[in-house]
Amino acid sequence: MSDYYGVLGVERGADDKTLKSAYRKLAMQYHPDRNPDNPAAEAKFKELNEAYDVLKDANNRAAYDRMGHDAYTRGAQQGGGGGGGFNAGGGGGFADIFEEMFGEMGGRRRNAGPQRGSDLRYNMEISLEDAYSGKQATIDIPTQIACESCDGSGSEGNATPKTCAMCHGAGRVRAQQGFFTVERTCPTCQGAGQMISDPCVVCHGQGRVRREKTLNVNIPAGVDDGTRIRLNGEGEMGARGAPAGDLYIFLSVEPHSVFHREDADIHCEVPIPMVTATLGGAVEVPTIDGNRAKVNIPAGTQSGHQFRLRGKGMSRLHNRGFGDMFIEARVETPVKLTKRQQELLREFEDAGEAGSHPHTEGFFKKVKEFWGG
């Protein structure tokens, strides 16, 4: 029989990490699935499993280092139970490596017992004003809560559950399939590890019932469209006393009739009468906090010009101040003029001098040049 260290291609003083790395590499190389109809590869694979199954255990490795394969023989004759012998059955090294690489399918275990309750999602629409100032909201959500009749235990009279006979309380059962060990949720107790002999008549042994729950939610100032608020433990209650999930509130901010938000800044388009834009003046504009602000309009203001009001924008989350407000002037051309107004405008036009309409004059100068003078 070949030396186990030689089978794995490592020195006798190799550490556990080196052993595992060498085994993993060779096991993948000689695995029967990769070498169909190859008896030599299959034999090599079995030899690798045997070697690694011995050397991965500190006690077995120490016994092998002292007595070699004799220790294995004695251990096998004694049933593999004592005297420094080896347990060569029960899954082998490749199953352990497979568990590490591929998780639960190969046997990564989860804690037994009822699983945590489901998370819930609640969509809430708020106004821009509420997003600015924050608010306290009351919501009603359909959910699972602890059964009041059995205090969430699932047992009538709070009787103590019994350990599941199939999984012995582990909540998982394992089965050997060829070279692999497959683990799955126990079908008898559904992963709880325990069985209820006398289920509660109200919740039918689940430990929870469906109800509508009322919650008070704090919406902080400065939230934006798409902000998510997490309420720990306010989701569905887990079965038979397991922890509850979380509640996630997703916020959407309604479009506003006056303001347009960009991050923490507020934009507002304000129509300016032509005379005010021409001669100058002042206009009052609303602000998101419900107040008013006076904006001075200098003479000759053009449509599209922006005025900045510092600190008059949206609240920033976590009390980090405020954004700014931008007033964009939209010069309005008058309509439905009286005859006298039309006459005055013509007189105004006739009395005009060069340079009174710089943008217009500049544009048509470029057009004239484009047409070749």
Protein backbone atom coordinates (compact mmCIF):
# COMPACT_ATOMS: atom_id res chain seq x y z
CA MET A 1 0.00 0.00 0.00
CA SER A 2 1.41 3.40 -0.97
CA ASP A 3 2.55 5.89 1.64
CA TYR A 4 -0.24 8.39 2.27
CA TYR A 5 2.09 11.37 2.10
CA GLY A 6 3.43 10.12 -1.21
CA VAL A 7 -0.09 9.66 -2.54
CA LEU A 8 -0.82 13.32 -1.87
CA GLY A 9 2.62 14.44 -2.99
CA VAL A 10 3.53 16.27 0.23
CA GLU A 11 6.26 16.05 2.85
CA ARG A 12 5.59 14.42 6.20
CA GLY A 13 5.77 17.76 7.97
CA ALA A 14 3.22 19.41 5.69
CA ASP A 15 0.66 21.58 7.47
CA ASP A 16 -3.11 21.24 7.13
CA LYS A 17 -3.36 23.98 4.50
CA THR A 18 -0.78 22.27 2.29
CA LEU A 19 -2.52 18.91 2.72
CA LYS A 20 -5.89 20.31 1.75
CA SER A 21 -4.50 22.20 -1.24
CA ALA A 22 -2.69 19.12 -2.56
CA TYR A 23 -5.73 16.91 -2.06
CA ARG A 24 -8.08 19.37 -3.73
CA LYS A 25 -5.89 19.67 -6.80
CA LEU A 26 -5.46 15.90 -7.25
CA ALA A 27 -9.08 15.06 -6.40
CA MET A 28 -10.32 17.37 -9.10
CA GLN A 29 -7.82 15.87 -11.54
CA TYR A 30 -8.79 12.24 -10.93
CA HIS A 31 -12.48 12.62 -10.15
CA PRO A 32 -14.51 9.94 -11.95
CA ASP A 33 -16.83 12.53 -13.47
CA ARG A 34 -13.84 13.98 -15.27
CA ASN A 35 -12.46 10.56 -16.18
CA PRO A 36 -15.38 8.38 -17.28
CA ASP A 37 -14.57 4.74 -18.06
CA ASN A 38 -11.08 5.13 -16.60
CA PRO A 39 -10.52 2.48 -13.88
CA ALA A 40 -7.03 3.78 -13.13
CA ALA A 41 -8.31 7.29 -12.39
CA GLU A 42 -11.08 5.85 -10.23
CA ALA A 43 -8.60 3.81 -8.23
CA LYS A 44 -6.33 6.82 -7.82
CA PHE A 45 -9.27 8.90 -6.64
CA LYS A 46 -10.19 6.31 -3.99
CA GLU A 47 -6.57 6.21 -2.87
CA LEU A 48 -6.50 9.99 -2.54
CA ASN A 49 -9.69 9.95 -0.44
CA GLU A 50 -8.29 7.29 1.84
CA ALA A 51 -5.02 9.16 2.32
CA TYR A 52 -6.60 12.51 3.00
CA ASP A 53 -9.26 11.03 5.29
CA VAL A 54 -6.46 9.73 7.48
CA LEU A 55 -4.07 12.69 7.42
CA LYS A 56 -6.64 15.48 7.84
CA ASP A 57 -7.37 14.32 11.42
CA ALA A 58 -4.60 15.19 13.91
CA ASN A 59 -5.06 12.05 16.05
CA ASN A 60 -5.25 9.70 13.09
CA ARG A 61 -2.24 11.36 11.50
CA ALA A 62 -0.21 10.98 14.70
CA ALA A 63 -1.08 7.29 14.87
CA TYR A 64 -0.20 6.83 11.20
CA ASP A 65 3.15 8.57 11.72
CA ARG A 66 3.94 6.14 14.58
CA MET A 67 2.72 2.86 13.10
CA GLY A 68 2.06 3.44 9.43
CA HIS A 69 -0.62 1.30 7.80
CA ASP A 70 -0.61 -1.09 10.80
CA ALA A 71 -2.52 1.52 12.74
CA TYR A 72 -5.14 1.58 10.01
CA THR A 73 -5.43 -2.21 10.01
CA ARG A 74 -5.85 -2.39 13.77
CA GLY A 75 -8.38 0.41 13.72
CA ALA A 76 -10.39 -1.37 11.04
CA GLN A 77 -10.35 -4.63 13.02
CA GLN A 78 -11.64 -2.76 16.08
CA GLY A 79 -14.43 -1.14 14.07
CA GLY A 80 -12.63 2.17 13.70
CA GLY A 81 -13.79 3.24 17.16
CA GLY A 82 -10.77 3.41 19.43
CA GLY A 83 -7.12 2.53 20.03
CA GLY A 84 -5.92 5.32 17.74
CA GLY A 85 -7.58 3.76 14.71
CA PHE A 86 -9.05 5.57 11.70
CA ASN A 87 -12.62 6.10 10.66
CA ALA A 88 -12.31 5.49 6.92
CA GLY A 89 -16.03 5.68 6.18
CA GLY A 90 -18.67 8.36 6.45
CA GLY A 91 -18.13 10.56 3.46
CA GLY A 92 -14.39 10.94 2.91
CA GLY A 93 -12.29 14.02 2.27
CA PHE A 94 -13.78 15.02 -1.05
CA ALA A 95 -17.20 15.56 0.53
CA ASP A 96 -15.59 17.98 2.98
CA ILE A 97 -13.87 19.88 0.18
CA PHE A 98 -17.11 19.88 -1.82
CA GLU A 99 -18.98 21.31 1.16
CA GLU A 100 -16.45 24.13 1.46
CA MET A 101 -16.54 24.95 -2.25
CA PHE A 102 -20.24 24.59 -3.03
CA GLY A 103 -22.00 25.35 0.26
CA GLU A 104 -25.28 23.94 1.39
CA MET A 105 -25.71 21.45 -1.43
CA GLY A 106 -22.60 19.67 -0.23
CA GLY A 107 -23.52 19.96 3.41
CA ARG A 108 -22.94 23.46 4.77
CA ARG A 109 -25.13 23.40 7.81
CA ARG A 110 -27.57 25.96 9.03
CA ASN A 111 -28.66 26.33 12.60
CA ALA A 112 -31.61 24.14 13.48
CA GLY A 113 -34.85 25.72 14.52
CA PRO A 114 -37.58 27.83 12.96
CA GLN A 115 -36.25 30.30 10.45
CA ARG A 116 -36.38 34.09 10.75
CA GLY A 117 -39.55 35.74 9.45
CA SER A 118 -39.78 37.31 6.02
CA ASP A 119 -38.86 40.93 5.32
CA LEU A 120 -41.67 43.21 4.17
CA ARG A 121 -41.74 46.15 1.76
CA TYR A 122 -44.04 49.17 2.03
CA ASN A 123 -44.23 51.88 -0.64
CA MET A 124 -45.02 55.38 0.67
CA GLU A 125 -45.59 58.54 -1.33
CA ILE A 126 -44.90 61.88 0.35
CA SER A 127 -45.08 65.53 -0.73
CA LEU A 128 -42.03 67.68 -1.40
CA GLU A 129 -42.95 69.76 1.65
CA ASP A 130 -42.90 66.62 3.81
CA ALA A 131 -39.52 65.69 2.35
CA TYR A 132 -38.28 69.16 3.32
CA SER A 133 -39.57 69.25 6.89
CA GLY A 134 -39.90 65.54 7.74
CA LYS A 135 -43.02 64.02 9.27
CA GLN A 136 -44.50 61.37 11.52
CA ALA A 137 -46.60 58.94 9.50
CA THR A 138 -48.95 56.18 10.64
CA ILE A 139 -49.18 53.12 8.42
CA ASP A 140 -51.15 49.87 8.53
CA ILE A 141 -49.47 46.76 7.18
CA PRO A 142 -50.82 43.19 6.86
CA THR A 143 -48.29 40.88 8.45
CA GLN A 144 -47.71 37.83 10.67
CA ILE A 145 -47.57 38.45 14.41
CA ALA A 146 -47.02 36.13 17.38
CA CYS A 147 -50.08 34.09 18.26
CA GLU A 148 -51.56 35.43 21.49
CA SER A 149 -53.15 32.09 22.39
CA CYS A 150 -49.86 30.17 22.62
CA ASP A 151 -47.47 33.12 23.03
CA GLY A 152 -45.85 32.20 19.74
CA SER A 153 -44.79 28.69 20.80
CA GLY A 154 -47.21 26.87 18.48
CA SER A 155 -48.12 24.39 21.25
CA GLU A 156 -51.46 24.20 23.01
CA GLY A 157 -50.90 25.19 26.62
CA ASN A 158 -47.25 26.05 25.86
CA ALA A 159 -46.32 22.37 25.97
CA THR A 160 -42.63 21.65 25.37
CA PRO A 161 -41.93 20.51 21.78
CA LYS A 162 -40.24 17.14 21.25
CA THR A 163 -37.01 16.58 19.38
CA CYS A 164 -37.60 15.44 15.81
CA ALA A 165 -36.97 11.71 15.52
CA MET A 166 -35.72 11.90 11.93
CA CYS A 167 -33.03 14.63 12.21
CA HIS A 168 -32.49 14.35 16.00
CA GLY A 169 -32.91 18.09 16.42
CA ALA A 170 -30.48 19.14 13.69
CA GLY A 171 -33.17 20.36 11.31
CA ARG A 172 -31.18 18.87 8.42
CA VAL A 173 -30.72 15.35 7.12
CA ARG A 174 -27.73 14.08 5.17
CA ALA A 175 -27.52 11.37 2.54
CA GLN A 176 -24.51 9.80 0.85
CA GLN A 177 -24.75 9.80 -2.95
CA GLY A 178 -21.66 8.21 -4.43
CA PHE A 179 -18.71 10.36 -3.46
CA PHE A 180 -20.88 13.28 -2.37
CA THR A 181 -22.75 14.04 0.82
CA VAL A 182 -26.00 15.92 0.16
CA GLU A 183 -27.75 17.79 2.95
CA ARG A 184 -31.32 19.04 2.86
CA THR A 185 -34.01 20.39 5.16
CA CYS A 186 -35.61 17.71 7.29
CA PRO A 187 -38.97 16.88 5.64
CA THR A 188 -40.53 15.85 8.95
CA CYS A 189 -39.97 19.00 11.03
CA GLN A 190 -39.35 21.40 8.10
CA GLY A 191 -36.01 22.43 9.57
CA ALA A 192 -37.28 23.27 13.05
CA GLY A 193 -35.55 20.32 14.76
CA GLN A 194 -38.60 19.91 16.96
CA MET A 195 -42.09 18.51 16.64
CA ILE A 196 -45.25 19.77 18.31
CA SER A 197 -47.47 16.94 19.49
CA ASP A 198 -50.43 19.17 20.47
CA PRO A 199 -50.61 22.14 18.05
CA CYS A 200 -52.32 25.38 19.06
CA VAL A 201 -55.88 25.43 17.72
CA VAL A 202 -55.63 29.13 16.80
CA CYS A 203 -52.40 29.17 14.79
CA HIS A 204 -52.32 25.43 13.95
CA GLY A 205 -48.84 25.03 15.36
CA GLN A 206 -47.25 27.91 13.43
CA GLY A 207 -46.92 30.20 16.44
CA ARG A 208 -48.08 33.18 14.37
CA VAL A 209 -51.29 34.56 12.90
CA ARG A 210 -52.04 37.10 10.16
CA ARG A 211 -53.09 40.51 11.40
CA GLU A 212 -52.92 44.15 10.36
CA LYS A 213 -50.34 46.04 12.38
CA THR A 214 -50.27 49.82 12.89
CA LEU A 215 -46.87 51.49 13.03
CA ASN A 216 -45.64 55.04 13.56
CA VAL A 217 -42.86 55.91 11.13
CA ASN A 218 -40.47 58.82 11.43
CA ILE A 219 -39.69 60.36 8.03
CA PRO A 220 -36.52 62.46 8.51
CA ALA A 221 -36.12 65.85 6.86
CA GLY A 222 -34.15 65.76 3.63
CA VAL A 223 -35.25 62.39 2.26
CA ASP A 224 -35.23 62.04 -1.50
CA ASP A 225 -37.08 59.98 -4.05
CA GLY A 226 -36.05 56.33 -3.60
CA THR A 227 -34.90 56.69 0.01
CA ARG A 228 -35.24 53.42 1.93
CA ILE A 229 -36.07 53.32 5.64
CA ARG A 230 -35.42 50.08 7.52
CA LEU A 231 -37.39 49.15 10.65
CA ASN A 232 -35.65 46.27 12.39
CA GLY A 233 -37.91 43.48 13.59
CA GLU A 234 -41.09 44.97 12.12
CA GLY A 235 -41.43 42.40 9.33
CA GLU A 236 -43.24 39.08 9.58
CA MET A 237 -42.82 37.09 12.77
CA GLY A 238 -40.93 33.83 12.33
CA ALA A 239 -42.66 30.53 12.98
CA ARG A 240 -42.82 29.25 16.57
CA GLY A 241 -40.96 32.05 18.26
CA ALA A 242 -38.29 32.67 15.62
CA PRO A 243 -37.15 36.30 15.18
CA ALA A 244 -39.17 38.63 13.00
CA GLY A 245 -37.91 39.98 9.69
CA ASP A 246 -37.45 43.66 8.89
CA LEU A 247 -39.76 46.21 7.29
CA TYR A 248 -38.39 48.31 4.43
CA ILE A 249 -40.22 51.52 3.58
CA PHE A 250 -39.46 52.88 0.11
CA LEU A 251 -40.25 56.57 -0.34
CA SER A 252 -41.33 58.34 -3.50
CA VAL A 253 -41.71 62.13 -3.61
CA GLU A 254 -44.69 63.54 -5.51
CA PRO A 255 -43.99 66.02 -8.34
CA HIS A 256 -44.57 69.62 -7.22
CA SER A 257 -46.63 72.20 -9.09
CA VAL A 258 -44.17 75.06 -8.43
CA PHE A 259 -40.76 73.66 -7.53
CA HIS A 260 -38.38 71.27 -9.19
CA ARG A 261 -35.80 69.50 -7.04
CA GLU A 262 -32.23 68.61 -7.99
CA ASP A 263 -30.48 66.92 -5.06
CA ALA A 264 -30.63 69.52 -2.28
CA ASP A 265 -31.34 72.48 -4.58
CA ILE A 266 -34.74 73.84 -5.52
CA HIS A 267 -35.48 75.37 -8.95
CA CYS A 268 -38.41 77.61 -9.73
CA GLU A 269 -39.34 79.26 -13.03
CA VAL A 270 -40.87 82.70 -12.39
CA PRO A 271 -42.64 84.71 -15.15
CA ILE A 272 -41.42 88.31 -15.23
CA PRO A 273 -43.56 91.00 -16.94
CA MET A 274 -41.80 92.57 -19.89
CA VAL A 275 -41.89 96.06 -18.36
CA THR A 276 -40.40 94.80 -15.07
CA ALA A 277 -37.67 92.94 -16.93
CA THR A 278 -36.97 96.07 -19.00
CA LEU A 279 -37.07 98.77 -16.35
CA GLY A 280 -36.21 96.68 -13.30
CA GLY A 281 -38.26 96.06 -10.19
CA ALA A 282 -38.94 93.32 -7.67
CA VAL A 283 -41.02 90.15 -7.44
CA GLU A 284 -42.05 87.94 -4.53
CA VAL A 285 -41.51 84.23 -4.89
CA PRO A 286 -42.61 81.31 -2.66
CA THR A 287 -40.04 79.18 -0.84
CA ILE A 288 -40.27 75.52 0.10
CA ASP A 289 -40.53 76.35 3.82
CA GLY A 290 -43.88 78.07 3.16
CA ASN A 291 -42.56 81.63 3.33
CA ARG A 292 -41.85 84.27 0.69
CA ALA A 293 -38.65 85.82 -0.63
CA LYS A 294 -38.21 89.14 -2.42
CA VAL A 295 -36.08 89.03 -5.56
CA ASN A 296 -34.76 92.26 -7.09
CA ILE A 297 -34.94 92.27 -10.88
CA PRO A 298 -32.29 94.51 -12.45
CA ALA A 299 -33.18 96.52 -15.56
CA GLY A 300 -32.57 94.62 -18.78
CA THR A 301 -33.06 91.14 -17.26
CA GLN A 302 -33.21 88.52 -20.00
CA SER A 303 -35.30 85.36 -20.06
CA GLY A 304 -33.34 82.43 -18.60
CA HIS A 305 -31.31 84.51 -16.16
CA GLN A 306 -31.00 82.81 -12.76
CA PHE A 307 -31.08 84.36 -9.30
CA ARG A 308 -29.63 82.34 -6.43
CA LEU A 309 -31.10 82.35 -2.92
CA ARG A 310 -28.59 80.69 -0.62
CA GLY A 311 -29.94 78.31 2.02
CA LYS A 312 -33.48 78.39 0.64
CA GLY A 313 -33.32 74.92 -0.89
CA MET A 314 -34.06 71.46 0.54
CA SER A 315 -33.01 70.16 3.92
CA ARG A 316 -30.04 67.83 3.83
CA LEU A 317 -30.26 64.52 5.65
CA HIS A 318 -28.71 64.19 9.10
CA ASN A 319 -28.93 67.95 9.80
CA ARG A 320 -26.26 68.88 7.27
CA GLY A 321 -27.75 72.25 6.39
CA PHE A 322 -29.78 73.31 3.36
CA GLY A 323 -29.35 73.55 -0.38
CA ASP A 324 -29.98 76.68 -2.46
CA MET A 325 -32.94 77.95 -4.43
CA PHE A 326 -32.55 79.07 -8.03
CA ILE A 327 -35.06 81.49 -9.54
CA GLU A 328 -35.09 81.36 -13.34
CA ALA A 329 -36.60 84.41 -15.00
CA ARG A 330 -39.03 83.84 -17.84
CA VAL A 331 -39.76 87.21 -19.48
CA GLU A 332 -43.38 87.19 -20.58
CA THR A 333 -44.51 88.92 -23.77
CA PRO A 334 -47.85 90.67 -23.23
CA VAL A 335 -50.89 89.48 -25.16
CA LYS A 336 -54.35 90.94 -25.90
CA LEU A 337 -53.03 94.50 -26.12
CA THR A 338 -55.40 97.43 -26.39
CA LYS A 339 -55.13 99.78 -29.33
CA ARG A 340 -53.46 102.40 -27.16
CA GLN A 341 -50.88 99.87 -25.90
CA GLN A 342 -50.06 98.93 -29.46
CA GLU A 343 -49.58 102.57 -30.36
CA LEU A 344 -47.27 103.10 -27.39
CA LEU A 345 -45.16 100.12 -28.33
CA ARG A 346 -44.78 101.39 -31.89
CA GLU A 347 -43.75 104.80 -30.56
CA PHE A 348 -41.29 103.01 -28.27
CA GLU A 349 -39.87 101.10 -31.23
CA ASP A 350 -39.58 104.22 -33.41
CA ALA A 351 -37.79 106.06 -30.62
CA GLY A 352 -35.29 103.25 -30.12
CA GLU A 353 -31.58 103.73 -30.69
CA ALA A 354 -28.89 101.34 -31.81
CA GLY A 355 -27.76 99.03 -29.05
CA SER A 356 -31.08 98.80 -27.25
CA HIS A 357 -31.51 95.19 -28.44
CA PRO A 358 -27.94 93.82 -28.41
CA HIS A 359 -28.84 90.15 -28.76
CA THR A 360 -31.18 90.77 -31.68
CA GLU A 361 -28.74 93.07 -33.43
CA GLY A 362 -25.88 90.64 -32.89
CA PHE A 363 -27.82 87.70 -34.25
CA PHE A 364 -28.88 89.42 -37.47
CA LYS A 365 -25.38 90.73 -38.00
CA LYS A 366 -24.17 87.10 -38.01
CA VAL A 367 -27.00 86.14 -40.36
CA LYS A 368 -26.02 88.93 -42.74
CA GLU A 369 -22.43 87.73 -42.76
CA PHE A 370 -23.64 84.19 -43.36
CA TRP A 371 -25.58 85.34 -46.41
CA GLY A 372 -22.49 87.04 -47.74
CA GLY A 373 -23.15 90.63 -46.74
